[in-house]
Protein backbone atom coordinates (compact mmCIF):
# COMPACT_ATOMS: atom_id res chain seq x y z
CA MET A 1 0.00 0.00 0.00
CA ASP A 2 2.98 2.35 -0.40
CA ASN A 3 1.24 3.94 -3.41
CA TYR A 4 -1.64 5.24 -1.27
CA PRO A 5 -3.16 7.65 -0.72
CA LEU A 6 -3.08 8.94 -4.27
CA THR A 7 -2.53 12.62 -4.81
CA GLU A 8 -5.56 14.43 -6.15
CA SER A 9 -3.70 15.09 -9.40
CA ILE A 10 -2.91 11.40 -9.91
CA TYR A 11 -6.51 10.45 -9.06
CA TYR A 12 -7.90 12.81 -11.70
CA ILE A 13 -5.28 11.90 -14.31
CA LEU A 14 -6.27 8.24 -13.97
CA ILE A 15 -9.95 9.16 -14.32
CA ALA A 16 -9.15 11.26 -17.39
CA LEU A 17 -7.50 8.20 -18.95
CA ARG A 18 -10.57 5.94 -18.80
CA ASN A 19 -10.63 6.68 -22.54
CA PRO A 20 -7.50 7.29 -24.64
CA ASN A 21 -6.30 10.84 -24.10
CA TYR A 22 -3.21 12.95 -24.76
CA GLY A 23 -1.48 15.47 -22.50
CA TYR A 24 -3.42 18.61 -23.29
CA GLY A 25 -6.65 16.62 -23.35
CA ILE A 26 -5.90 15.33 -19.84
CA ILE A 27 -5.33 18.89 -18.61
CA GLN A 28 -8.65 20.00 -20.14
CA GLU A 29 -10.58 17.02 -18.77
CA VAL A 30 -9.26 17.48 -15.22
CA ASP A 31 -10.08 21.18 -15.42
CA SER A 32 -13.61 20.35 -16.58
CA LEU A 33 -14.21 17.61 -14.01
CA THR A 34 -13.05 19.80 -11.12
CA LYS A 35 -14.54 23.04 -12.49
CA GLY A 36 -11.07 24.60 -12.47
CA ARG A 37 -10.20 23.63 -8.89
CA VAL A 38 -7.37 21.27 -9.94
CA VAL A 39 -5.01 22.88 -12.43
CA LEU A 40 -2.34 20.65 -13.94
CA GLY A 41 0.79 22.31 -15.22
CA ALA A 42 2.73 20.61 -18.01
CA GLY A 43 5.63 19.72 -15.70
CA THR A 44 3.33 18.17 -13.11
CA LEU A 45 1.41 16.26 -15.75
CA TYR A 46 4.38 14.81 -17.59
CA GLY A 47 6.15 13.91 -14.35
CA ALA A 48 2.99 12.10 -13.24
CA ILE A 49 2.65 10.36 -16.61
CA GLN A 50 6.21 9.08 -16.36
CA SER A 51 5.57 7.77 -12.85
CA LEU A 52 2.28 6.13 -13.88
CA LEU A 53 3.96 4.47 -16.86
CA GLU A 54 6.70 3.09 -14.59
CA LYS A 55 4.08 1.70 -12.16
CA GLY A 56 2.19 0.11 -15.05
CA TRP A 57 -0.97 2.05 -14.18
CA ILE A 58 -1.19 3.61 -17.65
CA GLU A 59 0.14 2.66 -21.06
CA ILE A 60 0.81 4.39 -24.34
CA HIS A 61 -2.26 3.77 -26.47
CA SER A 62 -1.02 5.35 -29.71
CA VAL A 63 1.61 7.73 -31.07
CA GLN A 64 0.74 10.26 -33.74
CA THR A 65 3.86 10.65 -35.87
CA THR A 66 2.55 13.33 -38.24
CA SER A 67 3.02 16.06 -35.67
CA ARG A 68 5.34 16.17 -32.64
CA LYS A 69 4.85 12.49 -31.80
CA LYS A 70 1.76 13.25 -29.75
CA LYS A 71 1.05 10.27 -27.49
CA GLU A 72 -2.30 9.04 -26.28
CA TYR A 73 -2.38 7.26 -22.93
CA LEU A 74 -4.88 4.82 -21.44
CA ILE A 75 -5.41 3.44 -17.93
CA THR A 76 -4.45 -0.24 -17.45
CA LYS A 77 -6.09 -2.91 -15.28
CA ALA A 78 -3.52 -2.14 -12.57
CA GLY A 79 -4.43 1.55 -12.81
CA ILE A 80 -8.13 0.76 -12.51
CA GLU A 81 -7.34 -1.32 -9.43
CA ALA A 82 -5.35 1.54 -7.89
CA LEU A 83 -8.15 3.99 -8.66
CA THR A 84 -10.77 1.64 -7.20
CA ASN A 85 -8.70 1.17 -4.02
CA GLU A 86 -8.41 4.93 -3.62
CA ARG A 87 -12.14 5.44 -4.22
CA ASN A 88 -12.88 2.83 -1.54
CA ARG A 89 -10.46 4.54 0.85
CA ILE A 90 -12.20 7.88 0.29
CA ARG A 91 -15.62 6.29 0.83
CA GLU A 92 -14.40 4.93 4.17
CA LEU A 93 -13.18 8.38 5.16
CA LEU A 94 -16.58 9.86 4.32
CA GLU A 95 -18.41 7.17 6.28
CA HIS A 96 -16.26 7.74 9.34
CA GLY A 97 -16.76 11.48 8.98
CA LYS A 98 -20.51 10.91 9.45
CA LEU A 99 -19.73 9.98 13.05
CA LEU A 100 -19.48 13.72 13.72
CA ASP A 101 -23.11 14.27 12.69
């Protein structure tokens, strides 16, 4: 469990990759999902992508060679598992928070 909890950026990047997506598309999707609350800079995004590739949580889906070798990424089964584990962890937090009601 050394990969948990996920950062909010990683959580949203994984969600954004439920369908093939490229860097700028990920930034736009996260911005849309969070209504501008989570802003991904290029450095943060590409550092996260590299880390997620190394963990096997995402994979390169395709590479467009006609322009600057734009890559599309996609979440893997391991990434879905990590995302599901984090969602379950957050649900538990919310349930325990109800004890204050």
